[in-house]
Amino acid sequence: MGGNEGIGILQLECPQGHGVGRVLREAAFHAVQYDPGAAVGPREFWPQEDDQGRFKAHCRHCDKPVWESSATLQGKLSELMASESETRASATLQYL
């Protein structure tokens, strides 16, 4: 395993480009977590069992709910964590 393999931060954005949180794995041996931001709430393990295949968040700038398929986000995070050179990427969520 390379130096950065197994870690990554996927920045989540609304369609307007506002940050709505991030999905991250800070070390290869850590669990994946969703971080909504310090002003919004605490980190939680991700994905949640009750998300029914859809990850939902709220853009506090647009004041609108956003979502994306959990499988799509897991795929993007997996690609990022497999990279030895990239540790950050972004994903644009859809308005609900």
Protein backbone atom coordinates (compact mmCIF):
# COMPACT_ATOMS: atom_id res chain seq x y z
CA MET A 1 0.00 0.00 0.00
CA GLY A 2 1.37 3.41 -0.98
CA GLY A 3 1.55 6.44 1.29
CA ASN A 4 -1.90 7.82 0.44
CA GLU A 5 -3.68 4.66 -0.63
CA GLY A 6 -6.73 3.94 1.50
CA ILE A 7 -7.38 7.54 2.57
CA GLY A 8 -9.47 10.26 0.97
CA ILE A 9 -11.78 13.22 1.42
CA LEU A 10 -14.77 13.56 -0.89
CA GLN A 11 -16.11 17.11 -0.63
CA LEU A 12 -19.89 17.19 -1.17
CA GLU A 13 -21.42 20.20 -2.90
CA CYS A 14 -24.89 21.37 -3.87
CA PRO A 15 -25.55 22.21 -7.56
CA GLN A 16 -24.58 25.84 -6.77
CA GLY A 17 -21.15 24.75 -5.49
CA HIS A 18 -21.79 25.29 -1.78
CA GLY A 19 -20.19 22.78 0.56
CA VAL A 20 -22.70 20.50 2.31
CA GLY A 21 -20.19 18.29 4.08
CA ARG A 22 -17.62 15.67 3.26
CA VAL A 23 -17.19 11.93 3.34
CA LEU A 24 -13.77 11.01 4.59
CA ARG A 25 -11.42 8.29 5.64
CA GLU A 26 -8.40 9.78 7.39
CA ALA A 27 -6.37 6.58 7.64
CA ALA A 28 -6.55 3.21 5.94
CA PHE A 29 -7.56 1.54 9.22
CA HIS A 30 -10.29 4.09 10.09
CA ALA A 31 -13.98 3.76 9.27
CA VAL A 32 -15.54 6.05 6.64
CA GLN A 33 -17.35 9.01 8.19
CA TYR A 34 -19.67 11.80 7.07
CA ASP A 35 -18.64 15.20 8.39
CA PRO A 36 -21.44 17.78 7.97
CA GLY A 37 -19.20 20.57 9.29
CA ALA A 38 -18.61 21.82 12.81
CA ALA A 39 -21.45 24.37 12.62
CA VAL A 40 -23.96 21.70 11.58
CA GLY A 41 -23.26 18.66 13.71
CA PRO A 42 -20.91 15.85 14.71
CA ARG A 43 -19.32 13.28 12.42
CA GLU A 44 -21.15 10.00 11.93
CA PHE A 45 -20.27 6.65 10.40
CA TRP A 46 -21.18 6.43 6.73
CA PRO A 47 -23.16 5.09 5.03
CA GLN A 48 -25.99 4.80 7.53
CA GLU A 49 -28.01 1.60 7.44
CA ASP A 50 -31.27 3.53 7.19
CA ASP A 51 -30.36 5.73 4.20
CA GLN A 52 -32.16 3.30 1.83
CA GLY A 53 -29.54 3.73 -0.87
CA ARG A 54 -29.85 7.51 -0.94
CA PHE A 55 -27.53 9.91 0.83
CA LYS A 56 -29.37 13.10 1.82
CA ALA A 57 -28.04 16.37 3.22
CA HIS A 58 -29.18 19.99 3.45
CA CYS A 59 -27.48 23.00 1.88
CA ARG A 60 -27.70 25.72 4.48
CA HIS A 61 -26.72 28.36 1.92
CA CYS A 62 -29.51 27.51 -0.56
CA ASP A 63 -31.78 26.19 2.22
CA LYS A 64 -32.61 23.16 0.06
CA PRO A 65 -32.23 19.42 0.54
CA VAL A 66 -29.76 17.60 -1.72
CA TRP A 67 -29.15 13.93 -2.42
CA GLU A 68 -27.18 11.36 -4.39
CA SER A 69 -27.16 7.60 -4.65
CA SER A 70 -25.05 6.12 -1.86
CA ALA A 71 -23.58 3.66 -4.37
CA THR A 72 -22.43 6.52 -6.62
CA LEU A 73 -20.71 8.28 -3.73
CA GLN A 74 -19.17 5.03 -2.47
CA GLY A 75 -17.78 4.41 -5.97
CA LYS A 76 -16.22 7.88 -6.14
CA LEU A 77 -14.72 7.49 -2.67
CA SER A 78 -13.38 4.02 -3.53
CA GLU A 79 -11.66 5.38 -6.65
CA LEU A 80 -10.16 8.19 -4.60
CA MET A 81 -8.94 5.84 -1.87
CA ALA A 82 -7.34 3.56 -4.46
CA SER A 83 -5.28 6.46 -5.82
CA GLU A 84 -1.73 6.83 -4.59
CA SER A 85 -1.49 10.45 -5.74
CA GLU A 86 -4.94 12.00 -5.04
CA THR A 87 -6.49 12.37 -1.60
CA ARG A 88 -9.23 14.94 -2.34
CA ALA A 89 -12.08 15.14 -4.81
CA SER A 90 -15.54 16.68 -4.99
CA ALA A 91 -18.98 15.37 -5.86
CA THR A 92 -21.98 17.48 -6.80
CA LEU A 93 -25.27 16.35 -5.27
CA GLN A 94 -28.69 16.93 -6.83
CA TYR A 95 -31.53 18.97 -5.38
CA LEU A 96 -34.20 16.74 -3.90
